[in-house]
Amino acid sequence: NAAIKAFLEMPEILVERKNKSGEVKKHDIKPGIFSVSGRLNNGTIIIEAELKTGSSGNVRLEEVLAAFKKISRLPVRGEFILYRTGIYTAGEKKRNFCDE
């Protein structure tokens, strides 16, 4: 969790994105990262994150994980498996898909 805390305290978290014309630009995803936490479970790292989604300022979990791996320099091996457990808007409380 110390690595996650240090990651979230970065002044900016830059990722590269291609725009519609194919040009690669750096984009700061930090404003769209609301929270990140992690734990170890039987040798598997479990990361939970609340991220902004929508037409502007969208943050992809893949970008967060790639940036975290690069910035933290932790020896993370293997692939990521991503699960979306809920979705909500700024004016709503969290709604889990299981609740619907």
N, C-alpha and C. Protein backbone atom coordinates (compact mmCIF):
# COMPACT_ATOMS: atom_id res chain seq x y z
N ASN A 1 0.81 -1.21 0.00
CA ASN A 1 0.00 0.00 0.00
C ASN A 1 0.85 1.26 0.00
N ALA A 2 2.10 1.16 0.47
CA ALA A 2 2.99 2.32 0.43
C ALA A 2 3.27 2.73 -1.01
N ALA A 3 3.40 1.75 -1.89
CA ALA A 3 3.65 2.04 -3.31
C ALA A 3 2.44 2.73 -3.93
N ILE A 4 1.24 2.29 -3.56
CA ILE A 4 0.02 2.92 -4.08
C ILE A 4 -0.09 4.34 -3.57
N LYS A 5 0.21 4.54 -2.28
CA LYS A 5 0.15 5.89 -1.70
C LYS A 5 1.11 6.83 -2.41
N ALA A 6 2.34 6.37 -2.64
CA ALA A 6 3.33 7.19 -3.35
C ALA A 6 2.87 7.49 -4.77
N PHE A 7 2.25 6.51 -5.42
CA PHE A 7 1.73 6.69 -6.78
C PHE A 7 0.67 7.78 -6.80
N LEU A 8 -0.26 7.72 -5.85
CA LEU A 8 -1.35 8.70 -5.81
C LEU A 8 -0.89 10.09 -5.40
N GLU A 9 0.27 10.18 -4.74
CA GLU A 9 0.80 11.48 -4.33
C GLU A 9 1.61 12.16 -5.43
N MET A 10 1.78 11.49 -6.57
CA MET A 10 2.50 12.10 -7.69
C MET A 10 1.74 13.35 -8.14
N PRO A 11 2.45 14.41 -8.52
CA PRO A 11 1.75 15.62 -8.97
C PRO A 11 0.94 15.40 -10.24
N GLU A 12 1.39 14.49 -11.10
CA GLU A 12 0.65 14.13 -12.30
C GLU A 12 1.01 12.71 -12.68
N ILE A 13 0.10 12.06 -13.37
CA ILE A 13 0.33 10.69 -13.85
C ILE A 13 0.08 10.73 -15.35
N LEU A 14 1.16 10.73 -16.11
CA LEU A 14 1.07 10.89 -17.56
C LEU A 14 1.04 9.55 -18.28
N VAL A 15 0.15 9.44 -19.24
CA VAL A 15 0.08 8.29 -20.13
C VAL A 15 0.05 8.81 -21.56
N GLU A 16 0.42 7.95 -22.49
CA GLU A 16 0.37 8.33 -23.90
C GLU A 16 -0.91 7.76 -24.52
N ARG A 17 -1.59 8.61 -25.27
CA ARG A 17 -2.81 8.21 -25.98
C ARG A 17 -2.73 8.68 -27.41
N LYS A 18 -3.29 7.89 -28.31
CA LYS A 18 -3.41 8.31 -29.70
C LYS A 18 -4.73 9.03 -29.87
N ASN A 19 -4.67 10.17 -30.58
CA ASN A 19 -5.93 10.86 -30.88
C ASN A 19 -6.49 10.30 -32.19
N LYS A 20 -7.61 10.83 -32.63
CA LYS A 20 -8.29 10.30 -33.82
C LYS A 20 -7.43 10.36 -35.08
N SER A 21 -6.52 11.33 -35.13
CA SER A 21 -5.65 11.45 -36.30
C SER A 21 -4.40 10.58 -36.19
N GLY A 22 -4.28 9.81 -35.10
CA GLY A 22 -3.15 8.91 -34.92
C GLY A 22 -1.95 9.52 -34.22
N GLU A 23 -2.08 10.78 -33.86
CA GLU A 23 -0.99 11.47 -33.17
C GLU A 23 -0.96 11.05 -31.69
N VAL A 24 0.24 10.75 -31.18
CA VAL A 24 0.39 10.34 -29.78
C VAL A 24 0.62 11.58 -28.93
N LYS A 25 -0.19 11.71 -27.89
CA LYS A 25 -0.06 12.85 -26.97
C LYS A 25 -0.04 12.34 -25.54
N LYS A 26 0.63 13.09 -24.68
CA LYS A 26 0.65 12.76 -23.26
C LYS A 26 -0.62 13.31 -22.61
N HIS A 27 -1.18 12.53 -21.70
CA HIS A 27 -2.44 12.90 -21.05
C HIS A 27 -2.30 12.62 -19.56
N ASP A 28 -2.66 13.59 -18.73
CA ASP A 28 -2.61 13.43 -17.27
C ASP A 28 -3.90 12.77 -16.80
N ILE A 29 -3.80 11.53 -16.28
CA ILE A 29 -4.99 10.81 -15.83
C ILE A 29 -5.26 11.00 -14.34
N LYS A 30 -4.36 11.67 -13.64
CA LYS A 30 -4.54 11.79 -12.19
C LYS A 30 -5.88 12.40 -11.78
N PRO A 31 -6.38 13.46 -12.43
CA PRO A 31 -7.67 14.03 -12.00
C PRO A 31 -8.83 13.04 -12.08
N GLY A 32 -8.70 12.00 -12.89
CA GLY A 32 -9.76 11.02 -13.03
C GLY A 32 -9.60 9.78 -12.16
N ILE A 33 -8.57 9.78 -11.31
CA ILE A 33 -8.37 8.66 -10.38
C ILE A 33 -8.88 9.11 -9.02
N PHE A 34 -10.02 8.56 -8.61
CA PHE A 34 -10.63 8.96 -7.34
C PHE A 34 -10.08 8.18 -6.17
N SER A 35 -9.81 6.89 -6.35
CA SER A 35 -9.20 6.09 -5.28
C SER A 35 -8.60 4.83 -5.88
N VAL A 36 -7.56 4.32 -5.21
CA VAL A 36 -6.94 3.05 -5.58
C VAL A 36 -6.53 2.37 -4.28
N SER A 37 -6.79 1.09 -4.19
CA SER A 37 -6.32 0.30 -3.05
C SER A 37 -5.88 -1.06 -3.57
N GLY A 38 -5.08 -1.75 -2.77
CA GLY A 38 -4.60 -3.05 -3.21
C GLY A 38 -4.36 -3.98 -2.04
N ARG A 39 -4.37 -5.27 -2.36
CA ARG A 39 -4.07 -6.28 -1.35
C ARG A 39 -3.55 -7.52 -2.07
N LEU A 40 -2.89 -8.38 -1.30
CA LEU A 40 -2.37 -9.63 -1.82
C LEU A 40 -3.27 -10.77 -1.38
N ASN A 41 -3.66 -11.64 -2.30
CA ASN A 41 -4.56 -12.76 -1.99
C ASN A 41 -4.03 -14.01 -2.68
N ASN A 42 -3.42 -14.91 -1.92
CA ASN A 42 -2.87 -16.17 -2.46
C ASN A 42 -1.94 -15.93 -3.65
N GLY A 43 -1.03 -14.98 -3.53
CA GLY A 43 -0.07 -14.69 -4.58
C GLY A 43 -0.60 -13.84 -5.71
N THR A 44 -1.85 -13.41 -5.63
CA THR A 44 -2.44 -12.55 -6.65
C THR A 44 -2.65 -11.16 -6.07
N ILE A 45 -2.22 -10.16 -6.82
CA ILE A 45 -2.43 -8.78 -6.39
C ILE A 45 -3.83 -8.35 -6.83
N ILE A 46 -4.63 -7.90 -5.87
CA ILE A 46 -5.98 -7.42 -6.15
C ILE A 46 -5.94 -5.90 -6.05
N ILE A 47 -6.27 -5.22 -7.14
CA ILE A 47 -6.30 -3.76 -7.18
C ILE A 47 -7.75 -3.33 -7.37
N GLU A 48 -8.21 -2.43 -6.52
CA GLU A 48 -9.55 -1.85 -6.67
C GLU A 48 -9.39 -0.36 -6.90
N ALA A 49 -10.14 0.16 -7.85
CA ALA A 49 -10.00 1.58 -8.19
C ALA A 49 -11.36 2.18 -8.54
N GLU A 50 -11.52 3.43 -8.19
CA GLU A 50 -12.67 4.22 -8.64
C GLU A 50 -12.12 5.25 -9.61
N LEU A 51 -12.59 5.16 -10.86
CA LEU A 51 -12.06 5.98 -11.94
C LEU A 51 -13.18 6.72 -12.66
N LYS A 52 -12.81 7.86 -13.22
CA LYS A 52 -13.77 8.65 -13.99
C LYS A 52 -14.01 7.98 -15.33
N THR A 53 -15.26 7.95 -15.72
CA THR A 53 -15.62 7.43 -17.02
C THR A 53 -16.61 8.40 -17.67
N GLY A 54 -16.58 8.48 -18.96
CA GLY A 54 -17.48 9.40 -19.64
C GLY A 54 -16.85 9.93 -20.90
N SER A 55 -17.48 10.92 -21.48
CA SER A 55 -17.02 11.45 -22.76
C SER A 55 -15.77 12.31 -22.63
N SER A 56 -15.52 12.88 -21.45
CA SER A 56 -14.29 13.66 -21.26
C SER A 56 -13.64 13.27 -19.94
N GLY A 57 -12.34 13.17 -19.96
CA GLY A 57 -11.61 12.82 -18.75
C GLY A 57 -11.66 11.35 -18.40
N ASN A 58 -12.05 10.52 -19.35
CA ASN A 58 -12.16 9.08 -19.12
C ASN A 58 -10.80 8.50 -18.74
N VAL A 59 -10.78 7.62 -17.74
CA VAL A 59 -9.55 6.95 -17.33
C VAL A 59 -9.77 5.45 -17.45
N ARG A 60 -8.86 4.79 -18.14
CA ARG A 60 -8.94 3.34 -18.32
C ARG A 60 -8.10 2.65 -17.25
N LEU A 61 -8.62 1.58 -16.67
CA LEU A 61 -7.87 0.86 -15.64
C LEU A 61 -6.54 0.34 -16.18
N GLU A 62 -6.51 -0.06 -17.44
CA GLU A 62 -5.27 -0.54 -18.04
C GLU A 62 -4.19 0.54 -17.98
N GLU A 63 -4.58 1.79 -18.20
CA GLU A 63 -3.63 2.90 -18.14
C GLU A 63 -3.11 3.10 -16.72
N VAL A 64 -4.01 3.00 -15.75
CA VAL A 64 -3.62 3.16 -14.34
C VAL A 64 -2.63 2.07 -13.96
N LEU A 65 -2.93 0.83 -14.32
CA LEU A 65 -2.05 -0.28 -13.97
C LEU A 65 -0.70 -0.17 -14.65
N ALA A 66 -0.68 0.20 -15.92
CA ALA A 66 0.58 0.36 -16.65
C ALA A 66 1.42 1.49 -16.04
N ALA A 67 0.77 2.60 -15.71
CA ALA A 67 1.49 3.73 -15.10
C ALA A 67 2.01 3.35 -13.72
N PHE A 68 1.20 2.65 -12.93
CA PHE A 68 1.62 2.21 -11.60
C PHE A 68 2.82 1.28 -11.70
N LYS A 69 2.77 0.34 -12.61
CA LYS A 69 3.88 -0.60 -12.80
C LYS A 69 5.16 0.15 -13.18
N LYS A 70 5.04 1.12 -14.07
CA LYS A 70 6.20 1.89 -14.53
C LYS A 70 6.75 2.79 -13.42
N ILE A 71 5.88 3.50 -12.73
CA ILE A 71 6.31 4.46 -11.72
C ILE A 71 6.82 3.77 -10.46
N SER A 72 6.14 2.71 -10.02
CA SER A 72 6.51 2.05 -8.77
C SER A 72 7.75 1.17 -8.92
N ARG A 73 8.00 0.71 -10.13
CA ARG A 73 9.11 -0.21 -10.41
C ARG A 73 9.03 -1.49 -9.60
N LEU A 74 7.83 -1.86 -9.19
CA LEU A 74 7.64 -3.13 -8.50
C LEU A 74 7.76 -4.27 -9.51
N PRO A 75 8.27 -5.42 -9.08
CA PRO A 75 8.43 -6.54 -10.01
C PRO A 75 7.11 -7.26 -10.29
N VAL A 76 6.23 -6.59 -11.01
CA VAL A 76 4.93 -7.17 -11.35
C VAL A 76 5.11 -8.00 -12.61
N ARG A 77 4.73 -9.28 -12.52
CA ARG A 77 4.85 -10.18 -13.67
C ARG A 77 3.45 -10.67 -14.06
N GLY A 78 3.35 -11.11 -15.28
CA GLY A 78 2.09 -11.70 -15.72
C GLY A 78 1.13 -10.69 -16.31
N GLU A 79 -0.05 -11.19 -16.57
CA GLU A 79 -1.08 -10.39 -17.22
C GLU A 79 -2.09 -9.87 -16.21
N PHE A 80 -2.87 -8.92 -16.66
CA PHE A 80 -3.94 -8.36 -15.84
C PHE A 80 -5.27 -8.96 -16.27
N ILE A 81 -6.10 -9.25 -15.31
CA ILE A 81 -7.48 -9.64 -15.59
C ILE A 81 -8.35 -8.57 -14.96
N LEU A 82 -9.19 -7.93 -15.75
CA LEU A 82 -9.98 -6.80 -15.27
C LEU A 82 -11.44 -7.18 -15.13
N TYR A 83 -12.02 -6.77 -14.01
CA TYR A 83 -13.45 -6.98 -13.76
C TYR A 83 -14.07 -5.65 -13.39
N ARG A 84 -15.15 -5.28 -14.05
CA ARG A 84 -15.90 -4.09 -13.66
C ARG A 84 -16.97 -4.55 -12.68
N THR A 85 -16.92 -4.00 -11.48
CA THR A 85 -17.87 -4.43 -10.45
C THR A 85 -19.00 -3.44 -10.24
N GLY A 86 -18.89 -2.27 -10.83
CA GLY A 86 -19.97 -1.29 -10.67
C GLY A 86 -19.72 -0.08 -11.53
N ILE A 87 -20.77 0.69 -11.70
CA ILE A 87 -20.68 1.93 -12.46
C ILE A 87 -21.69 2.91 -11.88
N TYR A 88 -21.29 4.17 -11.79
CA TYR A 88 -22.19 5.18 -11.26
C TYR A 88 -21.78 6.55 -11.78
N THR A 89 -22.70 7.49 -11.70
CA THR A 89 -22.42 8.85 -12.11
C THR A 89 -22.06 9.67 -10.88
N ALA A 90 -21.57 10.87 -11.11
CA ALA A 90 -21.14 11.72 -9.99
C ALA A 90 -22.28 12.00 -9.02
N GLY A 91 -23.51 12.07 -9.49
CA GLY A 91 -24.64 12.38 -8.62
C GLY A 91 -25.30 11.17 -7.99
N GLU A 92 -24.82 9.98 -8.33
CA GLU A 92 -25.44 8.77 -7.81
C GLU A 92 -24.54 8.11 -6.77
N LYS A 93 -25.14 7.27 -5.95
CA LYS A 93 -24.35 6.41 -5.09
C LYS A 93 -23.92 5.21 -5.93
N LYS A 94 -22.91 4.54 -5.46
CA LYS A 94 -22.39 3.38 -6.19
C LYS A 94 -23.48 2.33 -6.36
N ARG A 95 -23.58 1.82 -7.59
CA ARG A 95 -24.52 0.74 -7.87
C ARG A 95 -23.73 -0.45 -8.37
N ASN A 96 -23.80 -1.54 -7.69
CA ASN A 96 -23.14 -2.76 -8.16
C ASN A 96 -24.02 -3.44 -9.18
N PHE A 97 -23.41 -4.05 -10.17
CA PHE A 97 -24.17 -4.79 -11.16
C PHE A 97 -24.96 -5.91 -10.49
N CYS A 98 -24.44 -6.47 -9.42
CA CYS A 98 -25.12 -7.57 -8.72
C CYS A 98 -26.42 -7.10 -8.09
N ASP A 99 -26.55 -5.81 -7.81
CA ASP A 99 -27.74 -5.28 -7.15
C ASP A 99 -28.90 -5.08 -8.11
N GLU A 100 -28.65 -5.12 -9.39
CA GLU A 100 -29.70 -4.83 -10.37
C GLU A 100 -30.46 -6.06 -10.76
